[in-house]
Amino acid sequence: MDTQLTDWLAILTGFGSKSMDEIGVAPFLGVMLISLFSAFFISLLYVRFYKARSTGSMIYRAFPLLGMSITAIFIAIQFSLPLSLGLLGALSIVRFRTPIKEPEEIGFIMLVVATSLCCATFNLLFLAIIHCCALMALIILRYSSGFLTVHQNDGMVIIDIPDRIYADRGNDIISLLETELTTGRLDSISQNQGQTVISYNFQTTREDIILQLQKKIHAINAEITLNFFYNRNQAI
């Protein structure tokens, strides 16, 4: 019994391909369960770090079945060259046209594929390393303030001003925007049918600054209207 357990552990922690006879049913079942829990872990990462910013996609619910399927397919084909060539030919004529709603979802799908391939080749050390690196990357992206967002606009303020007011106080309004939204920049100024519209992009700012800006703009003239639009849920 101890010898058999040792052989199973050697298969699950080894490198390189094994023959199907060397693997056996128990290690195959074990690696399928590992693939399942790995996919569940990736689903948890998706929900924890990304789902709140998605557009309603439920793609993470497919990760467990996707992970097990990829693992089973690659375990089956790595021991049979004819089967591998047949699968390659079949996949070459099959096209999946389901659109990806968010580009970040591609990263999670590729993570499922990579971990499933590690399970299929019995490289569990690689599997653990991939999970640790993925978790570290998501934590850095989530909690590092300003990381990779130096030139990213988090929102835009649209100010609608009557032309007669803009002619008198336009410079004051733009100066106020530059003072309150120090990380922003003027995007455009357009005039149409007696109204002037100022578009001003800004990066992450506090809610109290937004409220203060509204009060100061309305103090210039109550006819001025402001609309704030945010690109991300976590903009404020």
Protein backbone atom coordinates (compact mmCIF):
# COMPACT_ATOMS: atom_id res chain seq x y z
CA MET A 1 0.00 0.00 0.00
CA ASP A 2 2.81 2.37 0.89
CA THR A 3 4.56 1.57 -2.38
CA GLN A 4 1.39 2.28 -4.37
CA LEU A 5 0.85 5.59 -2.56
CA THR A 6 4.46 6.52 -3.25
CA ASP A 7 3.99 5.75 -6.94
CA TRP A 8 0.86 7.91 -7.09
CA LEU A 9 2.65 10.82 -5.45
CA ALA A 10 5.55 10.42 -7.86
CA ILE A 11 3.14 10.64 -10.78
CA LEU A 12 1.29 13.67 -9.42
CA THR A 13 4.43 15.61 -8.51
CA GLY A 14 6.64 14.55 -11.40
CA PHE A 15 7.46 16.22 -14.67
CA GLY A 16 6.93 15.05 -18.21
CA SER A 17 4.45 12.67 -19.78
CA LYS A 18 3.57 9.28 -18.43
CA SER A 19 1.93 6.40 -20.25
CA MET A 20 -1.72 5.71 -19.52
CA ASP A 21 -0.81 2.39 -17.91
CA GLU A 22 1.53 4.14 -15.51
CA ILE A 23 -1.10 6.63 -14.48
CA GLY A 24 -3.97 4.37 -13.52
CA VAL A 25 -7.51 5.26 -12.46
CA ALA A 26 -6.80 6.64 -8.99
CA PRO A 27 -4.22 9.28 -10.07
CA PHE A 28 -6.47 10.21 -13.00
CA LEU A 29 -9.40 10.74 -10.63
CA GLY A 30 -7.15 12.67 -8.27
CA VAL A 31 -5.87 15.02 -10.95
CA MET A 32 -9.43 15.62 -12.20
CA LEU A 33 -10.47 16.63 -8.68
CA ILE A 34 -7.45 18.90 -8.43
CA SER A 35 -8.44 20.49 -11.75
CA LEU A 36 -11.97 20.99 -10.44
CA PHE A 37 -10.84 22.71 -7.23
CA SER A 38 -8.35 24.77 -9.23
CA ALA A 39 -11.18 26.03 -11.46
CA PHE A 40 -13.31 26.79 -8.39
CA PHE A 41 -10.41 28.81 -6.99
CA ILE A 42 -10.15 30.80 -10.23
CA SER A 43 -13.93 31.38 -10.10
CA LEU A 44 -13.48 32.73 -6.59
CA LEU A 45 -10.73 35.07 -7.80
CA TYR A 46 -13.01 36.31 -10.58
CA VAL A 47 -15.88 37.01 -8.16
CA ARG A 48 -13.62 38.60 -5.54
CA PHE A 49 -11.48 40.81 -7.76
CA TYR A 50 -13.48 41.45 -10.90
CA LYS A 51 -17.19 40.60 -10.89
CA ALA A 52 -18.22 43.97 -9.38
CA ARG A 53 -16.74 45.73 -12.43
CA SER A 54 -18.15 43.43 -15.10
CA THR A 55 -21.17 44.06 -17.29
CA GLY A 56 -23.21 41.21 -15.92
CA SER A 57 -21.29 38.28 -17.41
CA MET A 58 -21.61 34.97 -15.52
CA ILE A 59 -18.63 33.41 -17.26
CA TYR A 60 -17.05 32.27 -13.99
CA ARG A 61 -19.78 29.65 -13.63
CA ALA A 62 -18.32 27.83 -16.66
CA PHE A 63 -14.79 27.62 -15.21
CA PRO A 64 -15.24 24.27 -13.33
CA LEU A 65 -16.59 22.40 -16.34
CA LEU A 66 -14.12 24.15 -18.65
CA GLY A 67 -11.18 23.21 -16.45
CA MET A 68 -12.14 19.55 -16.12
CA SER A 69 -12.88 19.28 -19.84
CA ILE A 70 -9.51 20.70 -20.85
CA THR A 71 -7.71 18.45 -18.39
CA ALA A 72 -9.52 15.33 -19.60
CA ILE A 73 -8.99 16.18 -23.29
CA PHE A 74 -5.26 16.73 -22.94
CA ILE A 75 -4.77 13.65 -20.78
CA ALA A 76 -6.53 11.62 -23.46
CA ILE A 77 -4.72 13.01 -26.49
CA GLN A 78 -1.18 13.12 -25.10
CA PHE A 79 -0.97 9.32 -25.26
CA SER A 80 -2.35 8.96 -28.79
CA LEU A 81 -0.89 10.66 -31.84
CA PRO A 82 -3.81 9.73 -34.16
CA LEU A 83 -6.28 11.08 -31.61
CA SER A 84 -4.26 14.28 -31.29
CA LEU A 85 -4.22 14.83 -35.05
CA GLY A 86 -7.93 14.03 -35.30
CA LEU A 87 -8.79 16.52 -32.57
CA LEU A 88 -6.59 19.15 -34.24
CA GLY A 89 -8.44 18.63 -37.52
CA ALA A 90 -11.83 18.79 -35.81
CA LEU A 91 -11.03 21.99 -33.94
CA SER A 92 -9.72 23.62 -37.11
CA ILE A 93 -13.25 23.69 -38.57
CA VAL A 94 -15.07 24.65 -35.36
CA ARG A 95 -15.37 28.33 -34.58
CA PHE A 96 -16.85 29.78 -31.41
CA ARG A 97 -18.35 33.19 -32.10
CA THR A 98 -19.64 33.99 -28.60
CA PRO A 99 -18.33 37.51 -27.92
CA ILE A 100 -16.20 38.26 -24.86
CA LYS A 101 -17.98 41.06 -23.01
CA GLU A 102 -14.93 42.25 -21.12
CA PRO A 103 -11.27 41.96 -22.23
CA GLU A 104 -10.19 40.94 -18.71
CA GLU A 105 -12.27 37.79 -19.07
CA ILE A 106 -9.74 36.52 -21.61
CA GLY A 107 -7.11 36.56 -18.87
CA PHE A 108 -9.25 34.42 -16.57
CA ILE A 109 -10.06 31.99 -19.39
CA MET A 110 -6.36 31.65 -20.23
CA LEU A 111 -5.65 31.10 -16.53
CA VAL A 112 -8.15 28.21 -16.52
CA VAL A 113 -6.51 26.77 -19.64
CA ALA A 114 -2.99 27.07 -18.20
CA THR A 115 -3.88 25.45 -14.88
CA SER A 116 -5.82 22.69 -16.64
CA LEU A 117 -2.78 21.92 -18.80
CA CYS A 118 -0.66 21.71 -15.66
CA CYS A 119 -3.11 19.18 -14.25
CA ALA A 120 -3.19 17.26 -17.54
CA THR A 121 0.62 16.95 -17.57
CA PHE A 122 0.75 16.23 -13.81
CA ASN A 123 2.91 19.29 -13.13
CA LEU A 124 1.27 20.23 -9.84
CA LEU A 125 4.24 22.31 -8.75
CA PHE A 126 3.67 24.52 -11.79
CA LEU A 127 -0.02 24.64 -10.87
CA ALA A 128 0.74 25.98 -7.40
CA ILE A 129 3.19 28.55 -8.80
CA ILE A 130 0.64 29.79 -11.36
CA HIS A 131 -2.03 30.21 -8.68
CA CYS A 132 0.34 32.11 -6.39
CA CYS A 133 1.51 34.41 -9.20
CA ALA A 134 -2.07 35.06 -10.37
CA LEU A 135 -3.21 35.90 -6.85
CA MET A 136 -0.24 38.22 -6.35
CA ALA A 137 -0.94 40.00 -9.66
CA LEU A 138 -4.62 40.54 -8.80
CA ILE A 139 -3.76 41.86 -5.33
CA ILE A 140 -1.22 44.31 -6.80
CA LEU A 141 -3.70 45.54 -9.41
CA ARG A 142 -6.47 45.88 -6.82
CA TYR A 143 -4.72 47.54 -3.91
CA SER A 144 -1.75 49.41 -5.41
CA SER A 145 -2.96 52.97 -5.66
CA GLY A 146 -2.32 54.49 -9.08
CA PHE A 147 -0.63 51.37 -10.46
CA LEU A 148 -1.04 51.23 -14.26
CA THR A 149 -3.51 54.14 -14.08
CA VAL A 150 -1.16 57.09 -14.51
CA HIS A 151 -2.79 58.20 -17.76
CA GLN A 152 -6.20 56.65 -17.26
CA ASN A 153 -9.28 58.88 -17.03
CA ASP A 154 -11.69 57.77 -14.33
CA GLY A 155 -14.47 60.11 -15.33
CA MET A 156 -15.65 63.23 -17.11
CA VAL A 157 -17.58 66.30 -16.07
CA ILE A 158 -19.84 67.93 -18.65
CA ILE A 159 -20.71 71.57 -17.94
CA ASP A 160 -23.55 73.21 -19.86
CA ILE A 161 -23.34 77.02 -19.82
CA PRO A 162 -25.44 79.66 -21.61
CA ASP A 163 -23.26 81.62 -24.05
CA ARG A 164 -23.88 84.94 -22.32
CA ILE A 165 -22.61 83.52 -19.02
CA TYR A 166 -19.65 81.80 -20.67
CA ALA A 167 -18.61 85.08 -22.32
CA ASP A 168 -18.34 86.73 -18.88
CA ARG A 169 -17.23 83.88 -16.60
CA GLY A 170 -15.76 81.24 -18.91
CA ASN A 171 -12.18 81.80 -17.76
CA ASP A 172 -13.25 81.62 -14.11
CA ILE A 173 -15.00 78.29 -14.68
CA ILE A 174 -12.01 76.72 -16.45
CA SER A 175 -9.64 78.02 -13.76
CA LEU A 176 -11.90 76.52 -11.10
CA LEU A 177 -11.81 73.15 -12.84
CA GLU A 178 -8.02 73.24 -13.04
CA THR A 179 -7.79 74.16 -9.36
CA GLU A 180 -10.22 71.55 -8.00
CA LEU A 181 -9.44 68.71 -10.43
CA THR A 182 -5.66 68.96 -10.46
CA THR A 183 -5.19 65.58 -12.19
CA GLY A 184 -7.62 66.38 -15.00
CA ARG A 185 -7.39 68.04 -18.37
CA LEU A 186 -9.65 69.99 -20.68
CA ASP A 187 -11.10 67.71 -23.34
CA SER A 188 -13.28 69.97 -25.47
CA ILE A 189 -15.32 73.18 -25.64
CA SER A 190 -18.25 73.28 -28.06
CA GLN A 191 -20.97 75.86 -28.75
CA ASN A 192 -24.38 75.18 -30.23
CA GLN A 193 -27.74 76.95 -30.14
CA GLY A 194 -26.76 79.47 -27.52
CA GLN A 195 -25.14 76.92 -25.19
CA THR A 196 -21.46 76.24 -24.47
CA VAL A 197 -20.50 72.73 -23.39
CA ILE A 198 -17.20 72.11 -21.59
CA SER A 199 -15.90 68.53 -21.31
CA TYR A 200 -13.24 67.96 -18.66
CA ASN A 201 -11.58 64.58 -17.95
CA PHE A 202 -10.29 63.74 -14.49
CA GLN A 203 -8.65 60.90 -12.61
CA THR A 204 -9.63 59.45 -9.24
CA THR A 205 -10.81 62.13 -6.84
CA ARG A 206 -12.66 62.29 -3.55
CA GLU A 207 -16.41 62.72 -3.34
CA ASP A 208 -16.13 65.83 -1.18
CA ILE A 209 -14.09 67.53 -3.93
CA ILE A 210 -16.84 66.78 -6.44
CA LEU A 211 -19.49 68.25 -4.13
CA GLN A 212 -17.34 71.29 -3.44
CA LEU A 213 -16.85 71.83 -7.17
CA GLN A 214 -20.60 71.70 -7.74
CA LYS A 215 -21.22 74.33 -5.09
CA LYS A 216 -18.55 76.66 -6.46
CA ILE A 217 -19.80 76.33 -10.05
CA HIS A 218 -23.39 77.02 -8.97
CA ALA A 219 -22.13 80.00 -6.94
CA ILE A 220 -20.87 81.52 -10.19
CA ASN A 221 -24.32 81.17 -11.74
CA ALA A 222 -27.28 78.95 -10.88
CA GLU A 223 -28.12 78.40 -14.56
CA ILE A 224 -24.96 76.34 -15.09
CA THR A 225 -25.57 72.58 -15.07
CA LEU A 226 -23.01 69.87 -14.31
CA ASN A 227 -23.09 66.16 -15.13
CA PHE A 228 -20.48 63.70 -13.88
CA PHE A 229 -19.82 60.42 -15.70
CA TYR A 230 -17.53 57.66 -14.41
CA ASN A 231 -15.70 55.03 -16.41
CA ARG A 232 -15.29 52.63 -13.47
CA ASN A 233 -17.38 51.65 -10.45
CA GLN A 234 -14.48 52.44 -8.11
CA ALA A 235 -13.86 55.93 -9.50
CA ILE A 236 -14.77 57.69 -6.24
